Structure formats: structure tokens, C-alpha cells
Amino acid sequence: MAPLLPIVEAELGLGHGQAGSLFFFMASGYGVGLLGSGFISHLLTHRLTITFAGMMGGLALMIISRSASIGAIHAGLVLIGIFAGFYLPSGIATLTELVSKEHWGKVMAIHELAPNTAFITAPLLAEFLLRFFSWRGP
């Protein structure tokens, strides 16, 4: 989200503080999602929780891309945070279920490459795609 922040600020007329609050709303949703992930995975299986979290996170991103107000964007970011919070415990539980115990370290290292790689590639990709598309998408 950080590479898109100056454009979102300008288009929606936000100040730096309001734009920074977007991270707060996402982090708040993430905390709620982590707290509620046990209840959700109890009702669903871990694999269904992963699928549910991915699909609903995508839906929340679509809602944000069509939002015209800061309140709607805040609500969408809370939802993204909640669904991301649902994913993590179920993702780790599924990995440890699928892989034998002696390979847990390797599989966790590979799993954790994704967020670390995204910290580098996402801003570069966003900057490149902004040359062709709006921050709201195609």
C-alpha cells in the first residue's frame, strides 16, 4: 500500500495523518482476525479457512478499489486485516500437517520468503503498473 499512498492522498484529498491511519485500520483488523482465527478454523477446517480468507480478502480489495470515501476505505482495510489474520494460523497449521516434523524448518523458511520478497517486489511492481493503470485498477 505504501507506494500508492501519495496518489491516494492526492485523489481523495487526504493529509499525511489521514493516509497514515490506513495502516492503523489494517493492523486493527489483523489483530481482530488473529484473535478470531481459532473460532473460524473450528467452524471450518484449516484448509477451508485459508480459501475463505483468500477469497474474502480479494473481495475486500475490490470494495476498496471502488470506494469514494475514506470511511469506506477504512472499512475495507479492516476487512483485509481480519482475513489476513484468519490466514496465518491456519496456514502454519496446514503446513505442519502436510510436512513431516524433520522438514518443518525448511518449509517455514520457504513460507516466510513470500512476505519478505513482497516487501521488495510489491513497491517495484506497483510503481511499474501505475504507469499504465490507476491505483483503482484497470
C-alpha atoms as a PDB file:
ATOM      1  CA  MET A   1       0.000   0.000   0.000  1.00  0.00           C
ATOM      2  CA  ALA A   2       2.855   2.392   0.701  1.00  0.00           C
ATOM      3  CA  PRO A   3       3.793   3.045  -2.952  1.00  0.00           C
ATOM      4  CA  LEU A   4       0.201   4.012  -3.708  1.00  0.00           C
ATOM      5  CA  LEU A   5      -0.175   6.347  -0.738  1.00  0.00           C
ATOM      6  CA  PRO A   6       0.854   9.639  -2.443  1.00  0.00           C
ATOM      7  CA  ILE A   7      -1.607   9.002  -5.271  1.00  0.00           C
ATOM      8  CA  VAL A   8      -4.420   8.012  -2.903  1.00  0.00           C
ATOM      9  CA  GLU A   9      -3.691  11.120  -0.800  1.00  0.00           C
ATOM     10  CA  ALA A  10      -3.953  13.392  -3.817  1.00  0.00           C
ATOM     11  CA  GLU A  11      -7.056  11.785  -5.314  1.00  0.00           C
ATOM     12  CA  LEU A  12      -9.021  11.677  -2.061  1.00  0.00           C
ATOM     13  CA  GLY A  13      -7.639  14.937  -0.646  1.00  0.00           C
ATOM     14  CA  LEU A  14      -6.111  13.316   2.434  1.00  0.00           C
ATOM     15  CA  GLY A  15      -3.409  14.676   4.687  1.00  0.00           C
ATOM     16  CA  HIS A  16      -0.406  12.633   5.731  1.00  0.00           C
ATOM     17  CA  GLY A  17      -2.008  11.761   9.059  1.00  0.00           C
ATOM     18  CA  GLN A  18      -5.198  10.500   7.459  1.00  0.00           C
ATOM     19  CA  ALA A  19      -3.213   8.482   4.929  1.00  0.00           C
ATOM     20  CA  GLY A  20      -1.108   7.004   7.724  1.00  0.00           C
ATOM     21  CA  SER A  21      -4.276   5.999   9.535  1.00  0.00           C
ATOM     22  CA  LEU A  22      -4.924   3.482   6.759  1.00  0.00           C
ATOM     23  CA  PHE A  23      -2.166   1.302   8.223  1.00  0.00           C
ATOM     24  CA  PHE A  24      -3.744   1.581  11.668  1.00  0.00           C
ATOM     25  CA  PHE A  25      -7.085   0.292  10.381  1.00  0.00           C
ATOM     26  CA  MET A  26      -5.449  -2.623   8.606  1.00  0.00           C
ATOM     27  CA  ALA A  27      -3.408  -3.533  11.697  1.00  0.00           C
ATOM     28  CA  SER A  28      -6.513  -3.298  13.899  1.00  0.00           C
ATOM     29  CA  GLY A  29      -8.347  -5.719  11.634  1.00  0.00           C
ATOM     30  CA  TYR A  30      -5.340  -8.036  11.651  1.00  0.00           C
ATOM     31  CA  GLY A  31      -5.374  -8.167  15.443  1.00  0.00           C
ATOM     32  CA  VAL A  32      -9.083  -8.977  15.468  1.00  0.00           C
ATOM     33  CA  GLY A  33      -8.537 -11.624  12.787  1.00  0.00           C
ATOM     34  CA  LEU A  34      -5.780 -13.304  14.772  1.00  0.00           C
ATOM     35  CA  LEU A  35      -7.957 -13.334  17.878  1.00  0.00           C
ATOM     36  CA  GLY A  36     -10.905 -14.800  15.966  1.00  0.00           C
ATOM     37  CA  SER A  37      -8.963 -17.248  13.796  1.00  0.00           C
ATOM     38  CA  GLY A  38      -9.379 -20.107  16.261  1.00  0.00           C
ATOM     39  CA  PHE A  39     -13.151 -19.749  16.212  1.00  0.00           C
ATOM     40  CA  ILE A  40     -13.271 -19.630  12.413  1.00  0.00           C
ATOM     41  CA  SER A  41     -10.952 -22.594  11.927  1.00  0.00           C
ATOM     42  CA  HIS A  42     -13.006 -24.518  14.484  1.00  0.00           C
ATOM     43  CA  LEU A  43     -16.151 -23.939  12.412  1.00  0.00           C
ATOM     44  CA  LEU A  44     -14.355 -24.606   9.114  1.00  0.00           C
ATOM     45  CA  THR A  45     -11.253 -26.720   8.543  1.00  0.00           C
ATOM     46  CA  HIS A  46      -7.854 -25.033   8.286  1.00  0.00           C
ATOM     47  CA  ARG A  47      -7.843 -25.545   4.529  1.00  0.00           C
ATOM     48  CA  LEU A  48     -11.296 -24.017   4.139  1.00  0.00           C
ATOM     49  CA  THR A  49     -10.227 -21.123   6.361  1.00  0.00           C
ATOM     50  CA  ILE A  50      -7.296 -20.441   4.015  1.00  0.00           C
ATOM     51  CA  THR A  51      -9.611 -20.493   0.996  1.00  0.00           C
ATOM     52  CA  PHE A  52     -12.207 -18.332   2.746  1.00  0.00           C
ATOM     53  CA  ALA A  53      -9.593 -15.797   3.856  1.00  0.00           C
ATOM     54  CA  GLY A  54      -8.125 -15.507   0.363  1.00  0.00           C
ATOM     55  CA  MET A  55     -11.458 -15.097  -1.362  1.00  0.00           C
ATOM     56  CA  MET A  56     -12.830 -12.602   1.134  1.00  0.00           C
ATOM     57  CA  GLY A  57      -9.559 -10.653   1.126  1.00  0.00           C
ATOM     58  CA  GLY A  58      -9.862 -10.352  -2.649  1.00  0.00           C
ATOM     59  CA  LEU A  59     -13.444  -9.154  -2.288  1.00  0.00           C
ATOM     60  CA  ALA A  60     -12.335  -6.555   0.266  1.00  0.00           C
ATOM     61  CA  LEU A  61      -9.687  -5.317  -2.196  1.00  0.00           C
ATOM     62  CA  MET A  62     -12.355  -4.935  -4.864  1.00  0.00           C
ATOM     63  CA  ILE A  63     -14.505  -2.947  -2.421  1.00  0.00           C
ATOM     64  CA  ILE A  64     -11.573  -0.641  -1.662  1.00  0.00           C
ATOM     65  CA  SER A  65     -10.861  -0.081  -5.344  1.00  0.00           C
ATOM     66  CA  ARG A  66     -14.435   1.177  -5.837  1.00  0.00           C
ATOM     67  CA  SER A  67     -14.547   3.299  -2.671  1.00  0.00           C
ATOM     68  CA  ALA A  68     -15.003   7.025  -2.963  1.00  0.00           C
ATOM     69  CA  SER A  69     -14.808   7.924   0.733  1.00  0.00           C
ATOM     70  CA  ILE A  70     -12.159   7.462   3.385  1.00  0.00           C
ATOM     71  CA  GLY A  71     -14.683   5.685   5.621  1.00  0.00           C
ATOM     72  CA  ALA A  72     -15.309   3.000   3.023  1.00  0.00           C
ATOM     73  CA  ILE A  73     -11.565   2.551   2.533  1.00  0.00           C
ATOM     74  CA  HIS A  74     -11.107   2.220   6.306  1.00  0.00           C
ATOM     75  CA  ALA A  75     -13.823  -0.455   6.421  1.00  0.00           C
ATOM     76  CA  GLY A  76     -12.221  -2.340   3.536  1.00  0.00           C
ATOM     77  CA  LEU A  77      -8.804  -2.217   5.178  1.00  0.00           C
ATOM     78  CA  VAL A  78     -10.214  -3.545   8.440  1.00  0.00           C
ATOM     79  CA  LEU A  79     -11.695  -6.439   6.446  1.00  0.00           C
ATOM     80  CA  ILE A  80      -8.379  -7.119   4.711  1.00  0.00           C
ATOM     81  CA  GLY A  81      -6.679  -7.180   8.103  1.00  0.00           C
ATOM     82  CA  ILE A  82      -9.288  -9.545   9.546  1.00  0.00           C
ATOM     83  CA  PHE A  83      -8.962 -12.008   6.677  1.00  0.00           C
ATOM     84  CA  ALA A  84      -5.161 -11.840   6.764  1.00  0.00           C
ATOM     85  CA  GLY A  85      -5.387 -12.632  10.477  1.00  0.00           C
ATOM     86  CA  PHE A  86      -7.560 -15.653   9.698  1.00  0.00           C
ATOM     87  CA  TYR A  87      -4.989 -16.965   7.223  1.00  0.00           C
ATOM     88  CA  LEU A  88      -1.768 -17.074   9.253  1.00  0.00           C
ATOM     89  CA  PRO A  89      -2.608 -19.614  11.994  1.00  0.00           C
ATOM     90  CA  SER A  90      -4.406 -21.899   9.537  1.00  0.00           C
ATOM     91  CA  GLY A  91      -1.569 -21.620   7.039  1.00  0.00           C
ATOM     92  CA  ILE A  92       1.013 -22.651   9.616  1.00  0.00           C
ATOM     93  CA  ALA A  93      -1.198 -25.463  10.931  1.00  0.00           C
ATOM     94  CA  THR A  94      -1.727 -26.772   7.405  1.00  0.00           C
ATOM     95  CA  LEU A  95       1.995 -26.687   6.648  1.00  0.00           C
ATOM     96  CA  THR A  96       2.867 -28.610   9.788  1.00  0.00           C
ATOM     97  CA  GLU A  97       0.137 -31.132   8.974  1.00  0.00           C
ATOM     98  CA  LEU A  98       1.336 -31.714   5.424  1.00  0.00           C
ATOM     99  CA  VAL A  99       5.099 -31.880   6.061  1.00  0.00           C
ATOM    100  CA  SER A 100       6.956 -34.306   8.312  1.00  0.00           C
ATOM    101  CA  LYS A 101       8.415 -32.845  11.500  1.00  0.00           C
ATOM    102  CA  GLU A 102      12.054 -33.033  10.386  1.00  0.00           C
ATOM    103  CA  HIS A 103      11.305 -30.684   7.454  1.00  0.00           C
ATOM    104  CA  TRP A 104       9.318 -28.049   9.376  1.00  0.00           C
ATOM    105  CA  GLY A 105      12.231 -25.603   9.500  1.00  0.00           C
ATOM    106  CA  LYS A 106      12.699 -25.724   5.732  1.00  0.00           C
ATOM    107  CA  VAL A 107       9.019 -25.377   4.921  1.00  0.00           C
ATOM    108  CA  MET A 108       8.606 -22.452   7.345  1.00  0.00           C
ATOM    109  CA  ALA A 109      11.620 -20.717   5.808  1.00  0.00           C
ATOM    110  CA  ILE A 110      10.147 -21.128   2.331  1.00  0.00           C
ATOM    111  CA  HIS A 111       6.725 -19.975   3.542  1.00  0.00           C
ATOM    112  CA  GLU A 112       8.228 -16.852   5.104  1.00  0.00           C
ATOM    113  CA  LEU A 113      10.088 -15.939   1.918  1.00  0.00           C
ATOM    114  CA  ALA A 114       6.806 -14.647   0.492  1.00  0.00           C
ATOM    115  CA  PRO A 115       6.305 -11.633   2.790  1.00  0.00           C
ATOM    116  CA  ASN A 116       9.984 -10.735   2.725  1.00  0.00           C
ATOM    117  CA  THR A 117      10.103 -10.914  -1.066  1.00  0.00           C
ATOM    118  CA  ALA A 118       6.887  -8.899  -1.278  1.00  0.00           C
ATOM    119  CA  PHE A 119       8.462  -6.045   0.712  1.00  0.00           C
ATOM    120  CA  ILE A 120      10.845  -5.571  -2.216  1.00  0.00           C
ATOM    121  CA  THR A 121       8.803  -6.612  -5.249  1.00  0.00           C
ATOM    122  CA  ALA A 122       5.394  -5.083  -4.400  1.00  0.00           C
ATOM    123  CA  PRO A 123       6.562  -1.437  -4.440  1.00  0.00           C
ATOM    124  CA  LEU A 124       8.506  -2.014  -7.658  1.00  0.00           C
ATOM    125  CA  LEU A 125       5.567  -3.740  -9.311  1.00  0.00           C
ATOM    126  CA  ALA A 126       3.116  -1.072  -8.092  1.00  0.00           C
ATOM    127  CA  GLU A 127       5.333   1.707  -9.415  1.00  0.00           C
ATOM    128  CA  PHE A 128       5.623  -0.024 -12.791  1.00  0.00           C
ATOM    129  CA  LEU A 129       1.875  -0.730 -13.098  1.00  0.00           C
ATOM    130  CA  LEU A 130       0.950   2.842 -12.112  1.00  0.00           C
ATOM    131  CA  ARG A 131       2.396   3.929 -15.457  1.00  0.00           C
ATOM    132  CA  PHE A 132      -0.401   2.010 -17.202  1.00  0.00           C
ATOM    133  CA  PHE A 133      -3.298   1.862 -14.714  1.00  0.00           C
ATOM    134  CA  SER A 134      -4.959   3.901 -11.987  1.00  0.00           C
ATOM    135  CA  TRP A 135      -4.470   2.862  -8.357  1.00  0.00           C
ATOM    136  CA  ARG A 136      -8.053   1.613  -8.519  1.00  0.00           C
ATOM    137  CA  GLY A 137      -7.117  -0.983 -11.141  1.00  0.00           C
ATOM    138  CA  PRO A 138      -7.730  -1.454 -14.877  1.00  0.00           C
END
